Amino acid sequence: MKLPKLFFFTFTMLFFNNSYSQSYIGYNVDNYSGIHSVSYNPSNIVGSNFKTDVNLLSISAFGGSDYFGVNIGNIISDSFDDDDDSERFLSDSNNFFLNADVLGPSFMFNINKKSSIGIITRGRSFFNLNDINGELFEAIEEEFETDSDIIFDSQNLNGTIHVWGEIGVAYGRILMDKQHHILKGGVTLKYLQGGGALFANSPGLVGQYTQSNQTLVTQGELNYGTTVGFDSDDLDTEDLTSGFGMDLGFTYQWHPNRANDSIPIYRDQYKLKVGVSVSDIGSINYKDAERTSYNMNSVVDASSFEDLEEFLENNYNGTETIEDTKIQLPTALHVLVDYRIANKWLISAQANLSMVKKDNELASSIVNTVTIAPRLETKWFSFYTPFSFRQYGDFAFGGGFRIGPLSVGSGSVFSNLISDSSKSTDVFVGLKVPIYRK
């Protein structure tokens, strides 16, 4: 399996085929986003503007790298040239990230005035490649057909691909209901079905490639493993593994104009909302995963390089072990502050922060992001323009809208169009059946 080429192909397809992707940036804070906001913070399920909300299908993706930037405008105009319209930012510690989220049939409804419940189904996949030397990645991508010598030094190199599905039961309750102050809590308990994982790490890998004689000299260690039956090009659903996960969240709302505490909170607009949640607590344990540790202290001929896995097996001494392996979910902390400027105009500030150590090859992780998003919000229509500051020095500016059952948008569409070297992209589309309260 050609891991770098697999990523490059997958990222490119998501980057350019945005009608099939979604990341909910700007949308998941909408008070009419319903079940989508529950995935962000389960306490949002209670005291909402819905009698019930039924998601039919939503598809999302978020991807990028600090290794390269692309001119999206020229891609759209069919004048893209790989050399002129892409820029490489090579370093000793380049990073790649990609995740996709398919929200399947899901729904939420109210049990009574203070409690709500919902069912959420999702299919998810994550790819993380951290701290890889940019010149080494480029040489592997080009199958060592580069025209120049390279020297590389990758410390704490690690990468993970993980695919899983989940069925969640969400429950939310109003914990405090005073005239001006509301506190809500919620939890989602998730049954996980692990499709499989690939993982690799190297505490230190140094070397050099000499183009004149196509000789590769390396020193260090590389550990590589896969779960039983996992192939990222052909996922086998017969090898699914069970696991459990959880989301936990709380939301405070300030209602300064609420006449008394008998008025339902969905009928009185809050002035300020503050939410805190932790998502994806948990892991999936895979039995009999295959691990191979390669001694990379060798001098090899790189002219035969075609497939990374075969190249390692043919040129380096490997020690194979079989052992149970636990893959951690992309646990993350989410903080939201939402302020109502006027009746239908709001502005939110979000922080999405990974709680997974970057050097953990047995875990998926999100990219740290801070987003500020003004929006116009009504029952049947919303429009938002998020500004995001993303890990690895990227800035994104996008837009999106909701018209009744349809939601479409991107947290980076505008910055992608005007930038000569976009480092990340995200887009979304969703279709649902909302039934609002009167």
Protein backbone atom coordinates (compact mmCIF):
# COMPACT_ATOMS: atom_id res chain seq x y z
CA MET A 1 0.00 0.00 0.00
CA LYS A 2 1.36 3.41 -0.99
CA LEU A 3 0.41 5.41 2.07
CA PRO A 4 1.54 8.90 0.93
CA LYS A 5 -0.05 8.45 -2.49
CA LEU A 6 -3.21 7.12 -0.87
CA PHE A 7 -3.45 10.27 1.23
CA PHE A 8 -2.60 12.57 -1.67
CA PHE A 9 -5.27 11.01 -3.87
CA THR A 10 -7.93 11.01 -1.16
CA PHE A 11 -7.18 14.58 -0.13
CA THR A 12 -7.29 15.77 -3.73
CA MET A 13 -10.64 14.10 -4.35
CA LEU A 14 -12.15 15.71 -1.25
CA PHE A 15 -10.53 19.03 -2.08
CA PHE A 16 -12.03 19.26 -5.55
CA ASN A 17 -15.33 17.37 -5.22
CA ASN A 18 -16.85 19.56 -2.56
CA SER A 19 -20.47 18.73 -3.33
CA TYR A 20 -20.01 15.54 -1.33
CA SER A 21 -18.41 16.94 1.83
CA GLN A 22 -19.20 18.83 5.03
CA SER A 23 -17.59 19.93 8.26
CA TYR A 24 -20.40 21.95 9.89
CA ILE A 25 -18.16 24.95 10.62
CA GLY A 26 -20.53 27.81 11.40
CA TYR A 27 -23.56 25.54 11.11
CA ASN A 28 -23.25 23.50 14.31
CA VAL A 29 -23.81 26.61 16.50
CA ASP A 30 -27.04 27.51 14.70
CA ASN A 31 -29.95 27.16 17.14
CA TYR A 32 -31.86 25.49 14.30
CA SER A 33 -29.17 22.95 13.41
CA GLY A 34 -30.90 20.36 15.60
CA ILE A 35 -29.28 16.93 15.72
CA HIS A 36 -26.07 18.29 14.16
CA SER A 37 -25.43 20.48 17.20
CA VAL A 38 -25.91 17.45 19.47
CA SER A 39 -22.82 15.83 17.94
CA TYR A 40 -20.92 18.96 18.98
CA ASN A 41 -22.45 19.28 22.45
CA PRO A 42 -25.10 16.77 23.67
CA SER A 43 -26.69 19.31 26.02
CA ASN A 44 -28.02 21.12 22.93
CA ILE A 45 -30.65 18.41 22.56
CA VAL A 46 -32.84 19.83 25.35
CA GLY A 47 -34.71 23.16 25.34
CA SER A 48 -34.31 23.43 21.58
CA ASN A 49 -36.57 24.99 18.94
CA PHE A 50 -37.69 21.56 17.68
CA LYS A 51 -40.53 19.20 18.43
CA THR A 52 -38.40 16.71 16.57
CA ASP A 53 -35.55 16.83 14.08
CA VAL A 54 -34.80 14.00 11.65
CA ASN A 55 -31.53 13.91 9.72
CA LEU A 56 -31.75 12.01 6.43
CA LEU A 57 -28.14 12.23 5.27
CA SER A 58 -25.25 14.63 5.87
CA ILE A 59 -21.71 14.24 4.61
CA SER A 60 -18.67 16.14 5.81
CA ALA A 61 -14.93 16.37 5.27
CA PHE A 62 -12.01 18.44 6.53
CA GLY A 63 -8.47 18.08 5.24
CA GLY A 64 -5.17 19.81 4.72
CA SER A 65 -1.46 19.96 5.35
CA ASP A 66 1.31 22.39 6.19
CA TYR A 67 3.37 20.62 3.49
CA PHE A 68 1.75 22.24 0.46
CA GLY A 69 -0.66 24.98 -0.60
CA VAL A 70 -2.86 25.02 -3.69
CA ASN A 71 -4.44 27.74 -5.85
CA ILE A 72 -8.07 26.63 -5.85
CA GLY A 73 -9.21 29.41 -8.18
CA ASN A 74 -7.12 28.06 -11.05
CA ILE A 75 -8.39 24.54 -10.41
CA ILE A 76 -11.98 25.71 -10.80
CA SER A 77 -11.10 27.60 -14.00
CA ASP A 78 -9.36 24.48 -15.43
CA SER A 79 -6.06 26.34 -15.74
CA PHE A 80 -4.31 24.56 -12.88
CA ASP A 81 -0.62 23.80 -13.29
CA ASP A 82 1.00 21.66 -10.61
CA ASP A 83 4.25 23.66 -10.64
CA ASP A 84 2.81 27.17 -10.94
CA ASP A 85 -0.33 26.80 -8.81
CA SER A 86 0.97 24.79 -5.88
CA GLU A 87 3.59 25.69 -3.31
CA ARG A 88 5.52 23.34 -1.05
CA PHE A 89 6.50 24.23 2.52
CA LEU A 90 9.04 21.56 3.38
CA SER A 91 10.22 21.19 6.97
CA ASP A 92 11.56 18.52 9.33
CA SER A 93 8.07 18.12 10.80
CA ASN A 94 5.33 18.41 8.19
CA ASN A 95 1.80 17.32 9.07
CA PHE A 96 -1.19 15.95 7.14
CA PHE A 97 -4.77 15.59 8.33
CA LEU A 98 -8.03 14.39 6.86
CA ASN A 99 -11.35 13.33 8.34
CA ALA A 100 -14.72 12.44 6.88
CA ASP A 101 -18.02 12.14 8.74
CA VAL A 102 -21.25 10.68 7.37
CA LEU A 103 -24.22 11.42 9.61
CA GLY A 104 -26.83 8.82 8.76
CA PRO A 105 -30.48 8.52 9.78
CA SER A 106 -30.72 10.26 13.16
CA PHE A 107 -33.43 11.98 15.17
CA MET A 108 -34.21 13.82 18.39
CA PHE A 109 -37.46 14.52 20.26
CA ASN A 110 -38.68 15.88 23.59
CA ILE A 111 -39.70 13.56 26.43
CA ASN A 112 -41.10 16.41 28.52
CA LYS A 113 -40.40 20.09 29.24
CA LYS A 114 -37.03 19.37 30.82
CA SER A 115 -35.76 16.25 29.04
CA SER A 116 -35.00 15.22 25.46
CA ILE A 117 -33.55 12.16 23.80
CA GLY A 118 -32.10 11.24 20.41
CA ILE A 119 -30.49 8.54 18.31
CA ILE A 120 -27.42 9.31 16.18
CA THR A 121 -25.81 7.08 13.54
CA ARG A 122 -22.46 7.99 11.99
CA GLY A 123 -19.68 6.59 9.85
CA ARG A 124 -16.26 8.20 10.40
CA SER A 125 -12.70 8.02 9.15
CA PHE A 126 -9.55 9.85 10.27
CA PHE A 127 -6.10 10.18 8.80
CA ASN A 128 -3.23 11.84 10.71
CA LEU A 129 0.42 11.95 9.67
CA ASN A 130 2.58 13.96 12.07
CA ASP A 131 6.14 15.23 12.08
CA ILE A 132 7.35 13.70 8.83
CA ASN A 133 10.32 15.27 7.11
CA GLY A 134 9.00 17.09 4.04
CA GLU A 135 11.86 16.06 1.78
CA LEU A 136 11.42 12.43 2.77
CA PHE A 137 7.69 12.58 2.10
CA GLU A 138 8.30 14.17 -1.29
CA ALA A 139 10.85 11.51 -2.23
CA ILE A 140 8.44 8.70 -1.25
CA GLU A 141 5.61 10.38 -3.15
CA GLU A 142 7.81 10.57 -6.26
CA GLU A 143 9.08 6.99 -5.72
CA PHE A 144 12.63 8.32 -5.32
CA GLU A 145 12.70 9.67 -8.87
CA THR A 146 13.79 13.06 -7.59
CA ASP A 147 16.49 15.02 -9.43
CA SER A 148 18.40 16.09 -6.33
CA ASP A 149 20.04 14.66 -3.22
CA ILE A 150 18.13 14.89 0.03
CA ILE A 151 19.04 14.79 3.71
CA PHE A 152 16.27 14.14 6.21
CA ASP A 153 15.74 13.98 9.95
CA SER A 154 12.30 12.98 11.30
CA GLN A 155 11.88 12.92 15.06
CA ASN A 156 8.72 11.46 16.61
CA LEU A 157 7.24 10.60 13.23
CA ASN A 158 3.82 8.95 13.62
CA GLY A 159 0.68 8.32 11.64
CA THR A 160 -2.78 6.75 12.04
CA ILE A 161 -5.64 5.78 9.77
CA HIS A 162 -8.82 4.71 11.57
CA VAL A 163 -12.29 3.88 10.24
CA TRP A 164 -15.32 3.19 12.43
CA GLY A 165 -19.09 3.51 12.74
CA GLU A 166 -21.17 4.46 15.75
CA ILE A 167 -24.72 4.40 17.08
CA GLY A 168 -25.31 6.89 19.87
CA VAL A 169 -28.12 7.47 22.36
CA ALA A 170 -28.18 11.12 23.43
CA TYR A 171 -29.98 12.42 26.51
CA GLY A 172 -30.22 15.99 27.73
CA ARG A 173 -31.85 17.62 30.74
CA ILE A 174 -32.36 21.14 32.05
CA LEU A 175 -30.44 21.08 35.34
CA MET A 176 -31.27 24.61 36.48
CA ASP A 177 -34.22 26.74 35.36
CA LYS A 178 -34.24 30.14 37.01
CA GLN A 179 -35.80 33.28 35.58
CA HIS A 180 -32.64 34.61 33.96
CA HIS A 181 -30.25 31.67 34.21
CA ILE A 182 -30.47 28.27 32.55
CA LEU A 183 -28.08 25.33 32.86
CA LYS A 184 -28.39 22.27 30.63
CA GLY A 185 -26.45 19.01 30.66
CA GLY A 186 -26.25 16.18 28.18
CA VAL A 187 -24.52 12.91 27.41
CA THR A 188 -24.27 10.68 24.36
CA LEU A 189 -23.40 7.02 24.93
CA LYS A 190 -22.01 5.42 21.77
CA TYR A 191 -21.71 1.84 20.61
CA LEU A 192 -18.75 1.67 18.22
CA GLN A 193 -18.02 -0.67 15.33
CA GLY A 194 -14.34 -0.49 14.39
CA GLY A 195 -13.59 -1.06 10.72
CA GLY A 196 -9.84 -1.19 11.28
CA ALA A 197 -6.71 0.86 11.62
CA LEU A 198 -3.21 1.35 10.29
CA PHE A 199 -0.57 2.90 12.53
CA ALA A 200 3.13 3.74 12.34
CA ASN A 201 5.74 5.57 14.34
CA SER A 202 9.44 6.24 14.50
CA PRO A 203 11.18 7.78 17.53
CA GLY A 204 13.96 8.87 15.18
CA LEU A 205 14.68 8.36 11.49
CA VAL A 206 17.61 10.07 9.80
CA GLY A 207 19.24 9.49 6.45
CA GLN A 208 20.20 10.73 3.04
CA TYR A 209 19.44 9.89 -0.56
CA THR A 210 22.08 10.24 -3.28
CA GLN A 211 20.48 10.76 -6.68
CA SER A 212 23.53 9.87 -8.79
CA ASN A 213 23.58 6.22 -7.70
CA GLN A 214 20.01 6.08 -6.21
CA THR A 215 21.38 5.01 -2.84
CA LEU A 216 19.36 5.48 0.34
CA VAL A 217 21.21 5.49 3.67
CA THR A 218 19.04 5.38 6.80
CA GLN A 219 19.46 5.07 10.57
CA GLY A 220 16.80 4.56 13.19
CA GLU A 221 13.71 2.48 13.78
CA LEU A 222 10.28 2.32 12.14
CA ASN A 223 7.27 0.55 13.64
CA TYR A 224 4.33 -0.32 11.42
CA GLY A 225 1.09 -2.15 12.16
CA THR A 226 -2.42 -2.97 10.98
CA THR A 227 -5.48 -4.55 12.53
CA VAL A 228 -6.78 -7.88 11.24
CA GLY A 229 -8.18 -7.67 7.71
CA PHE A 230 -7.69 -3.91 7.40
CA ASP A 231 -6.75 -2.50 4.01
CA SER A 232 -7.48 1.19 3.50
CA ASP A 233 -8.22 0.50 -0.18
CA ASP A 234 -10.76 -2.26 0.53
CA LEU A 235 -12.55 -2.17 3.89
CA ASP A 236 -13.87 -5.59 4.94
CA THR A 237 -17.06 -5.24 7.00
CA GLU A 238 -16.73 -8.83 8.24
CA ASP A 239 -13.90 -7.84 10.60
CA LEU A 240 -15.75 -5.17 12.62
CA THR A 241 -14.74 -4.80 16.27
CA SER A 242 -16.96 -3.46 19.08
CA GLY A 243 -16.15 -0.62 21.43
CA PHE A 244 -17.78 2.12 23.50
CA GLY A 245 -17.52 5.90 23.55
CA MET A 246 -19.12 8.95 25.09
CA ASP A 247 -19.72 12.68 24.56
CA LEU A 248 -20.41 14.94 27.54
CA GLY A 249 -21.51 18.57 27.55
CA PHE A 250 -23.01 21.48 29.48
CA THR A 251 -24.57 24.75 28.34
CA TYR A 252 -25.34 27.94 30.28
CA GLN A 253 -27.82 30.49 28.89
CA TRP A 254 -28.51 34.02 30.12
CA HIS A 255 -32.06 35.31 29.53
CA PRO A 256 -32.11 38.89 30.91
CA ASN A 257 -35.59 39.69 29.50
CA ARG A 258 -37.40 36.53 30.58
CA ALA A 259 -40.51 37.56 32.53
CA ASN A 260 -40.66 34.47 34.76
CA ASP A 261 -39.37 30.91 34.95
CA SER A 262 -42.64 29.41 33.68
CA ILE A 263 -41.95 30.69 30.15
CA PRO A 264 -40.29 27.92 28.07
CA ILE A 265 -36.72 28.89 27.27
CA TYR A 266 -37.20 28.29 23.55
CA ARG A 267 -39.77 31.11 23.54
CA ASP A 268 -37.41 33.62 25.14
CA GLN A 269 -34.25 34.52 23.27
CA TYR A 270 -31.05 34.27 25.26
CA LYS A 271 -28.57 37.12 25.24
CA LEU A 272 -25.54 34.94 25.98
CA LYS A 273 -24.85 31.23 25.68
CA VAL A 274 -21.71 29.43 26.88
CA GLY A 275 -21.15 25.76 26.13
CA VAL A 276 -18.41 23.33 27.13
CA SER A 277 -18.20 19.74 25.91
CA VAL A 278 -15.81 16.85 25.52
CA SER A 279 -16.43 14.60 22.52
CA ASP A 280 -15.20 11.15 21.55
CA ILE A 281 -14.18 9.83 24.94
CA GLY A 282 -13.31 6.17 24.45
CA SER A 283 -11.44 3.70 22.28
CA ILE A 284 -11.76 0.51 20.24
CA ASN A 285 -9.69 -2.54 21.14
CA TYR A 286 -8.56 -4.66 18.18
CA LYS A 287 -7.45 -8.21 18.87
CA ASP A 288 -4.41 -9.80 17.24
CA ALA A 289 -3.15 -6.69 15.45
CA GLU A 290 0.02 -7.28 13.48
CA ARG A 291 3.02 -5.08 14.32
CA THR A 292 6.39 -5.03 12.60
CA SER A 293 9.47 -3.20 13.91
CA TYR A 294 12.04 -2.44 11.24
CA ASN A 295 15.72 -1.85 11.93
CA MET A 296 16.44 1.02 9.54
CA ASN A 297 20.24 0.95 9.91
CA SER A 298 21.07 0.05 6.33
CA VAL A 299 22.23 1.18 2.89
CA VAL A 300 19.75 0.21 0.14
CA ASP A 301 19.10 0.68 -3.57
CA ALA A 302 16.05 2.98 -3.95
CA SER A 303 15.68 2.43 -7.72
CA SER A 304 13.25 -0.46 -7.10
CA PHE A 305 10.88 1.59 -4.94
CA GLU A 306 7.22 1.27 -5.95
CA ASP A 307 5.31 0.25 -2.85
CA LEU A 308 6.30 1.44 0.65
CA GLU A 309 5.30 -1.75 2.46
CA GLU A 310 7.07 -4.02 -0.03
CA PHE A 311 10.15 -1.79 0.02
CA LEU A 312 10.40 -2.10 3.79
CA GLU A 313 9.94 -5.88 3.72
CA ASN A 314 12.51 -6.37 0.96
CA ASN A 315 15.26 -4.12 2.31
CA TYR A 316 15.10 -4.01 6.10
CA ASN A 317 15.10 -6.55 8.92
CA GLY A 318 11.71 -6.64 10.60
CA THR A 319 10.51 -8.25 13.82
CA GLU A 320 6.83 -9.18 13.75
CA THR A 321 4.58 -9.45 16.81
CA ILE A 322 0.86 -10.14 17.23
CA GLU A 323 -0.87 -8.33 20.07
CA ASP A 324 -4.12 -6.62 21.04
CA THR A 325 -4.10 -2.91 20.15
CA LYS A 326 -6.33 -0.15 21.47
CA ILE A 327 -7.03 2.81 19.14
CA GLN A 328 -8.16 5.95 20.95
CA LEU A 329 -10.94 8.10 19.52
CA PRO A 330 -10.15 11.74 18.59
CA THR A 331 -11.04 13.09 22.04
CA ALA A 332 -11.51 16.86 21.89
CA LEU A 333 -12.53 19.80 24.08
CA HIS A 334 -15.07 22.26 22.64
CA VAL A 335 -15.80 25.71 24.05
CA LEU A 336 -18.49 28.00 22.64
CA VAL A 337 -19.47 31.57 23.47
CA ASP A 338 -22.52 32.80 21.54
CA TYR A 339 -23.75 36.39 21.87
CA ARG A 340 -26.96 37.87 20.49
CA ILE A 341 -26.25 41.30 19.01
CA ALA A 342 -29.84 41.92 17.96
CA ASN A 343 -33.03 39.93 17.45
CA LYS A 344 -31.82 37.78 14.54
CA TRP A 345 -28.12 38.65 14.52
CA LEU A 346 -25.59 36.66 16.58
CA ILE A 347 -21.85 36.17 16.75
CA SER A 348 -20.09 33.11 18.13
CA ALA A 349 -16.56 32.22 19.15
CA GLN A 350 -15.56 28.55 19.18
CA ALA A 351 -12.42 26.71 20.23
CA ASN A 352 -11.99 23.07 19.20
CA LEU A 353 -8.92 21.61 20.91
CA SER A 354 -7.46 18.13 20.66
CA MET A 355 -6.97 16.25 23.94
CA VAL A 356 -4.82 13.59 22.26
CA LYS A 357 -1.03 13.72 22.50
CA LYS A 358 0.45 14.45 19.10
CA ASP A 359 3.05 11.67 19.39
CA ASN A 360 0.41 8.98 20.02
CA GLU A 361 0.29 6.74 16.92
CA LEU A 362 -2.56 4.75 18.45
CA ALA A 363 -5.05 7.62 18.35
CA SER A 364 -6.80 9.89 15.90
CA SER A 365 -6.88 13.63 16.55
CA ILE A 366 -8.56 16.80 15.34
CA VAL A 367 -6.75 19.94 14.23
CA ASN A 368 -6.87 22.72 16.82
CA THR A 369 -9.13 25.49 15.52
CA VAL A 370 -10.52 28.79 16.78
CA THR A 371 -13.50 30.16 14.84
CA ILE A 372 -15.40 33.45 14.99
CA ALA A 373 -18.69 33.38 13.10
CA PRO A 374 -21.29 36.14 12.76
CA ARG A 375 -24.66 34.88 11.54
CA LEU A 376 -28.21 35.79 10.62
CA GLU A 377 -30.57 33.23 12.17
CA THR A 378 -34.30 32.65 11.62
CA LYS A 379 -36.54 29.58 11.79
CA TRP A 380 -36.39 28.75 8.07
CA PHE A 381 -33.19 30.50 7.04
CA SER A 382 -29.70 31.10 8.42
CA PHE A 383 -26.54 32.50 6.89
CA TYR A 384 -23.10 32.50 8.52
CA THR A 385 -19.57 33.63 7.64
CA PRO A 386 -16.98 31.85 9.82
CA PHE A 387 -13.39 33.08 10.20
CA SER A 388 -11.06 30.34 11.45
CA PHE A 389 -7.50 30.25 12.75
CA ARG A 390 -6.26 26.70 12.28
CA GLN A 391 -3.29 24.80 13.60
CA TYR A 392 -0.16 24.90 11.44
CA GLY A 393 -0.59 28.58 10.61
CA ASP A 394 -3.62 28.50 8.33
CA PHE A 395 -6.39 31.10 8.15
CA ALA A 396 -9.77 30.25 6.63
CA PHE A 397 -12.78 32.35 5.70
CA GLY A 398 -15.98 30.76 4.49
CA GLY A 399 -19.75 30.88 4.36
CA GLY A 400 -22.82 28.72 4.49
CA PHE A 401 -26.58 28.75 4.67
CA ARG A 402 -29.58 26.77 5.86
CA ILE A 403 -32.89 26.88 3.99
CA GLY A 404 -35.44 24.70 5.77
CA PRO A 405 -34.27 21.09 5.33
CA LEU A 406 -31.14 21.87 3.26
CA SER A 407 -27.78 23.04 4.61
CA VAL A 408 -24.73 23.79 2.47
CA GLY A 409 -21.49 25.57 3.20
CA SER A 410 -17.77 25.65 3.85
CA GLY A 411 -15.61 27.21 6.51
CA SER A 412 -12.92 27.97 3.93
CA VAL A 413 -14.61 28.55 0.55
CA PHE A 414 -13.75 32.24 0.25
CA SER A 415 -10.16 31.97 1.47
CA ASN A 416 -9.67 28.98 -0.85
CA LEU A 417 -10.82 31.07 -3.83
CA ILE A 418 -8.63 34.11 -3.15
CA SER A 419 -5.50 32.43 -1.75
CA ASP A 420 -2.59 31.37 -3.95
CA SER A 421 -1.69 28.58 -1.52
CA SER A 422 -4.59 27.19 0.51
CA LYS A 423 -3.40 24.71 3.14
CA SER A 424 -6.78 23.32 4.24
CA THR A 425 -10.33 22.96 3.01
CA ASP A 426 -13.72 21.86 4.31
CA VAL A 427 -17.21 21.69 2.84
CA PHE A 428 -20.57 20.27 3.86
CA VAL A 429 -24.05 19.36 2.66
CA GLY A 430 -26.97 17.99 4.67
CA LEU A 431 -30.64 17.13 4.26
CA LYS A 432 -33.12 16.74 7.12
CA VAL A 433 -36.79 16.92 8.13
CA PRO A 434 -37.17 19.64 10.81
CA ILE A 435 -40.39 19.94 12.79
CA TYR A 436 -40.28 23.20 14.74
CA ARG A 437 -42.13 24.20 17.86
CA LYS A 438 -44.88 26.76 17.41
